[in-house]
Amino acid sequence: MATLSLRIRDGLKRKAQELARRQGVSLNNFVNAVVAAAVAQEEALAWFDDRLKTQDLEALHRRVSAFMRRSRPGREPSVAQIDRATGKR
């Protein structure tokens, strides 16, 4: 495991320590979790960006809008119902 020396403003460190304390974790674990979340978010955005490059975004928007117009409050749909509604089956 790598070690990282980090410079951080005093006020920001105090706030991060307080958040970590409220979550019941060490500052080290808190910082690790925040960095991991930021990396996961960036990777997810890159994944979506890569897949959307080859899509007709207007057609995708029409499909999502049509699906949303058919949605109603109530029980969650099954995977099969979602596939049928989005034209996958």
N, C-alpha and C. Protein backbone atom coordinates (compact mmCIF):
# COMPACT_ATOMS: atom_id res chain seq x y z
N MET A 1 0.84 -1.17 0.00
CA MET A 1 0.00 0.00 0.00
C MET A 1 0.89 1.24 0.00
N ALA A 2 0.51 2.22 -0.78
CA ALA A 2 1.29 3.44 -0.90
C ALA A 2 1.00 4.40 0.25
N THR A 3 1.98 5.23 0.53
CA THR A 3 1.83 6.30 1.52
C THR A 3 1.83 7.63 0.78
N LEU A 4 0.97 8.54 1.20
CA LEU A 4 0.83 9.83 0.54
C LEU A 4 0.96 10.94 1.57
N SER A 5 1.86 11.85 1.32
CA SER A 5 1.97 13.04 2.16
C SER A 5 1.12 14.12 1.50
N LEU A 6 0.22 14.70 2.25
CA LEU A 6 -0.77 15.61 1.66
C LEU A 6 -0.77 16.94 2.40
N ARG A 7 -0.72 18.02 1.65
CA ARG A 7 -0.89 19.36 2.24
C ARG A 7 -2.33 19.77 2.06
N ILE A 8 -2.93 20.20 3.17
CA ILE A 8 -4.34 20.57 3.14
C ILE A 8 -4.54 21.76 4.07
N ARG A 9 -5.39 22.67 3.67
CA ARG A 9 -5.66 23.83 4.53
C ARG A 9 -6.15 23.37 5.90
N ASP A 10 -5.76 24.08 6.94
CA ASP A 10 -6.12 23.69 8.31
C ASP A 10 -7.63 23.56 8.49
N GLY A 11 -8.37 24.54 8.00
CA GLY A 11 -9.82 24.51 8.14
C GLY A 11 -10.45 23.33 7.43
N LEU A 12 -9.96 23.02 6.25
CA LEU A 12 -10.48 21.88 5.50
C LEU A 12 -10.17 20.57 6.22
N LYS A 13 -8.98 20.48 6.79
CA LYS A 13 -8.62 19.27 7.53
C LYS A 13 -9.54 19.10 8.74
N ARG A 14 -9.81 20.17 9.45
CA ARG A 14 -10.71 20.07 10.61
C ARG A 14 -12.10 19.60 10.19
N LYS A 15 -12.59 20.14 9.09
CA LYS A 15 -13.92 19.73 8.60
C LYS A 15 -13.92 18.26 8.18
N ALA A 16 -12.85 17.83 7.50
CA ALA A 16 -12.75 16.43 7.08
C ALA A 16 -12.66 15.52 8.30
N GLN A 17 -11.90 15.93 9.31
CA GLN A 17 -11.81 15.13 10.54
C GLN A 17 -13.17 15.02 11.21
N GLU A 18 -13.92 16.10 11.22
CA GLU A 18 -15.25 16.07 11.83
C GLU A 18 -16.18 15.14 11.07
N LEU A 19 -16.15 15.21 9.74
CA LEU A 19 -16.97 14.30 8.93
C LEU A 19 -16.58 12.84 9.18
N ALA A 20 -15.29 12.59 9.22
CA ALA A 20 -14.81 11.22 9.49
C ALA A 20 -15.29 10.76 10.86
N ARG A 21 -15.17 11.62 11.86
CA ARG A 21 -15.60 11.27 13.21
C ARG A 21 -17.09 10.92 13.24
N ARG A 22 -17.90 11.75 12.56
CA ARG A 22 -19.36 11.49 12.53
C ARG A 22 -19.69 10.18 11.82
N GLN A 23 -18.85 9.80 10.86
CA GLN A 23 -19.06 8.54 10.15
C GLN A 23 -18.43 7.36 10.87
N GLY A 24 -17.70 7.65 11.94
CA GLY A 24 -17.10 6.59 12.73
C GLY A 24 -15.89 5.94 12.08
N VAL A 25 -15.16 6.72 11.28
CA VAL A 25 -13.97 6.20 10.62
C VAL A 25 -12.79 7.14 10.86
N SER A 26 -11.61 6.64 10.59
CA SER A 26 -10.42 7.48 10.71
C SER A 26 -10.37 8.46 9.55
N LEU A 27 -9.59 9.52 9.71
CA LEU A 27 -9.40 10.47 8.62
C LEU A 27 -8.81 9.76 7.41
N ASN A 28 -7.89 8.83 7.64
CA ASN A 28 -7.29 8.08 6.55
C ASN A 28 -8.35 7.30 5.77
N ASN A 29 -9.23 6.59 6.48
CA ASN A 29 -10.29 5.83 5.80
C ASN A 29 -11.26 6.76 5.07
N PHE A 30 -11.55 7.90 5.69
CA PHE A 30 -12.45 8.87 5.06
C PHE A 30 -11.85 9.38 3.75
N VAL A 31 -10.58 9.77 3.78
CA VAL A 31 -9.92 10.29 2.57
C VAL A 31 -9.86 9.19 1.51
N ASN A 32 -9.55 7.96 1.91
CA ASN A 32 -9.53 6.85 0.95
C ASN A 32 -10.89 6.67 0.29
N ALA A 33 -11.96 6.75 1.07
CA ALA A 33 -13.30 6.57 0.53
C ALA A 33 -13.67 7.69 -0.43
N VAL A 34 -13.32 8.92 -0.08
CA VAL A 34 -13.63 10.07 -0.94
C VAL A 34 -12.86 9.98 -2.25
N VAL A 35 -11.59 9.62 -2.17
CA VAL A 35 -10.78 9.49 -3.40
C VAL A 35 -11.32 8.33 -4.25
N ALA A 36 -11.67 7.22 -3.61
CA ALA A 36 -12.22 6.08 -4.35
C ALA A 36 -13.52 6.45 -5.05
N ALA A 37 -14.37 7.22 -4.38
CA ALA A 37 -15.63 7.66 -4.99
C ALA A 37 -15.38 8.57 -6.18
N ALA A 38 -14.42 9.47 -6.06
CA ALA A 38 -14.10 10.37 -7.17
C ALA A 38 -13.56 9.60 -8.37
N VAL A 39 -12.70 8.62 -8.11
CA VAL A 39 -12.15 7.79 -9.19
C VAL A 39 -13.27 6.98 -9.84
N ALA A 40 -14.14 6.38 -9.04
CA ALA A 40 -15.25 5.59 -9.59
C ALA A 40 -16.18 6.45 -10.43
N GLN A 41 -16.44 7.66 -9.97
CA GLN A 41 -17.30 8.57 -10.74
C GLN A 41 -16.66 8.88 -12.09
N GLU A 42 -15.39 9.20 -12.09
CA GLU A 42 -14.70 9.52 -13.34
C GLU A 42 -14.69 8.32 -14.28
N GLU A 43 -14.45 7.13 -13.74
CA GLU A 43 -14.46 5.93 -14.57
C GLU A 43 -15.84 5.65 -15.14
N ALA A 44 -16.89 5.87 -14.34
CA ALA A 44 -18.25 5.66 -14.83
C ALA A 44 -18.59 6.65 -15.94
N LEU A 45 -18.22 7.91 -15.75
CA LEU A 45 -18.47 8.91 -16.79
C LEU A 45 -17.73 8.58 -18.08
N ALA A 46 -16.50 8.11 -17.95
CA ALA A 46 -15.73 7.72 -19.15
C ALA A 46 -16.38 6.53 -19.84
N TRP A 47 -16.88 5.57 -19.04
CA TRP A 47 -17.55 4.39 -19.60
C TRP A 47 -18.78 4.81 -20.39
N PHE A 48 -19.63 5.68 -19.79
CA PHE A 48 -20.82 6.16 -20.50
C PHE A 48 -20.44 6.97 -21.73
N ASP A 49 -19.45 7.83 -21.61
CA ASP A 49 -19.02 8.64 -22.75
C ASP A 49 -18.57 7.75 -23.90
N ASP A 50 -17.82 6.70 -23.58
CA ASP A 50 -17.34 5.78 -24.61
C ASP A 50 -18.50 5.09 -25.32
N ARG A 51 -19.50 4.66 -24.57
CA ARG A 51 -20.64 3.95 -25.17
C ARG A 51 -21.58 4.87 -25.91
N LEU A 52 -21.67 6.12 -25.49
CA LEU A 52 -22.59 7.05 -26.14
C LEU A 52 -22.02 7.65 -27.43
N LYS A 53 -20.72 7.51 -27.65
CA LYS A 53 -20.10 8.07 -28.86
C LYS A 53 -20.73 7.53 -30.13
N THR A 54 -21.16 6.27 -30.10
CA THR A 54 -21.69 5.64 -31.30
C THR A 54 -23.22 5.66 -31.36
N GLN A 55 -23.85 6.34 -30.40
CA GLN A 55 -25.30 6.35 -30.34
C GLN A 55 -25.88 7.61 -30.98
N ASP A 56 -27.06 7.46 -31.52
CA ASP A 56 -27.83 8.60 -31.99
C ASP A 56 -28.50 9.18 -30.74
N LEU A 57 -27.97 10.28 -30.23
CA LEU A 57 -28.44 10.81 -28.95
C LEU A 57 -29.88 11.31 -29.02
N GLU A 58 -30.30 11.82 -30.16
CA GLU A 58 -31.69 12.26 -30.27
C GLU A 58 -32.63 11.07 -30.22
N ALA A 59 -32.27 9.97 -30.88
CA ALA A 59 -33.09 8.76 -30.83
C ALA A 59 -33.13 8.20 -29.41
N LEU A 60 -31.99 8.20 -28.74
CA LEU A 60 -31.93 7.73 -27.36
C LEU A 60 -32.82 8.60 -26.47
N HIS A 61 -32.75 9.91 -26.66
CA HIS A 61 -33.59 10.82 -25.88
C HIS A 61 -35.07 10.54 -26.13
N ARG A 62 -35.45 10.29 -27.37
CA ARG A 62 -36.84 9.97 -27.69
C ARG A 62 -37.28 8.69 -26.99
N ARG A 63 -36.41 7.67 -26.99
CA ARG A 63 -36.75 6.40 -26.33
C ARG A 63 -36.91 6.59 -24.83
N VAL A 64 -36.01 7.33 -24.21
CA VAL A 64 -36.09 7.56 -22.76
C VAL A 64 -37.34 8.38 -22.45
N SER A 65 -37.61 9.40 -23.24
CA SER A 65 -38.80 10.23 -23.01
C SER A 65 -40.08 9.42 -23.15
N ALA A 66 -40.13 8.57 -24.17
CA ALA A 66 -41.31 7.71 -24.35
C ALA A 66 -41.48 6.78 -23.16
N PHE A 67 -40.40 6.23 -22.68
CA PHE A 67 -40.45 5.35 -21.51
C PHE A 67 -40.95 6.13 -20.29
N MET A 68 -40.42 7.32 -20.08
CA MET A 68 -40.81 8.10 -18.91
C MET A 68 -42.29 8.52 -18.97
N ARG A 69 -42.79 8.78 -20.16
CA ARG A 69 -44.21 9.13 -20.29
C ARG A 69 -45.11 7.96 -19.89
N ARG A 70 -44.63 6.73 -20.09
CA ARG A 70 -45.42 5.54 -19.75
C ARG A 70 -45.28 5.15 -18.28
N SER A 71 -44.33 5.71 -17.58
CA SER A 71 -44.12 5.32 -16.19
C SER A 71 -45.18 5.95 -15.30
N ARG A 72 -45.59 5.21 -14.30
CA ARG A 72 -46.62 5.64 -13.36
C ARG A 72 -46.18 5.27 -11.94
N PRO A 73 -46.70 5.98 -10.96
CA PRO A 73 -46.39 5.59 -9.58
C PRO A 73 -46.89 4.17 -9.30
N GLY A 74 -46.18 3.47 -8.46
CA GLY A 74 -46.61 2.12 -8.11
C GLY A 74 -45.43 1.20 -7.96
N ARG A 75 -45.65 -0.07 -8.21
CA ARG A 75 -44.60 -1.07 -8.06
C ARG A 75 -43.52 -0.89 -9.11
N GLU A 76 -42.30 -1.22 -8.74
CA GLU A 76 -41.19 -1.12 -9.69
C GLU A 76 -41.36 -2.17 -10.78
N PRO A 77 -41.04 -1.82 -12.02
CA PRO A 77 -41.17 -2.79 -13.11
C PRO A 77 -40.07 -3.85 -13.03
N SER A 78 -40.36 -5.00 -13.61
CA SER A 78 -39.36 -6.05 -13.68
C SER A 78 -38.35 -5.72 -14.78
N VAL A 79 -37.26 -6.45 -14.82
CA VAL A 79 -36.26 -6.25 -15.87
C VAL A 79 -36.88 -6.51 -17.24
N ALA A 80 -37.71 -7.55 -17.33
CA ALA A 80 -38.37 -7.88 -18.60
C ALA A 80 -39.28 -6.73 -19.06
N GLN A 81 -40.00 -6.12 -18.11
CA GLN A 81 -40.88 -5.00 -18.47
C GLN A 81 -40.05 -3.80 -18.96
N ILE A 82 -38.94 -3.55 -18.31
CA ILE A 82 -38.08 -2.45 -18.73
C ILE A 82 -37.52 -2.75 -20.12
N ASP A 83 -37.08 -3.99 -20.36
CA ASP A 83 -36.56 -4.35 -21.68
C ASP A 83 -37.62 -4.16 -22.75
N ARG A 84 -38.86 -4.58 -22.49
CA ARG A 84 -39.93 -4.41 -23.48
C ARG A 84 -40.20 -2.92 -23.72
N ALA A 85 -40.22 -2.12 -22.66
CA ALA A 85 -40.53 -0.70 -22.78
C ALA A 85 -39.44 0.06 -23.54
N THR A 86 -38.21 -0.41 -23.44
CA THR A 86 -37.10 0.28 -24.11
C THR A 86 -36.79 -0.33 -25.47
N GLY A 87 -37.58 -1.32 -25.89
CA GLY A 87 -37.41 -1.90 -27.20
C GLY A 87 -36.33 -2.96 -27.30
N LYS A 88 -35.87 -3.46 -26.17
CA LYS A 88 -34.83 -4.50 -26.21
C LYS A 88 -35.40 -5.87 -26.51
N ARG A 89 -36.71 -6.07 -26.29
CA ARG A 89 -37.34 -7.38 -26.56
C ARG A 89 -38.61 -7.18 -27.32
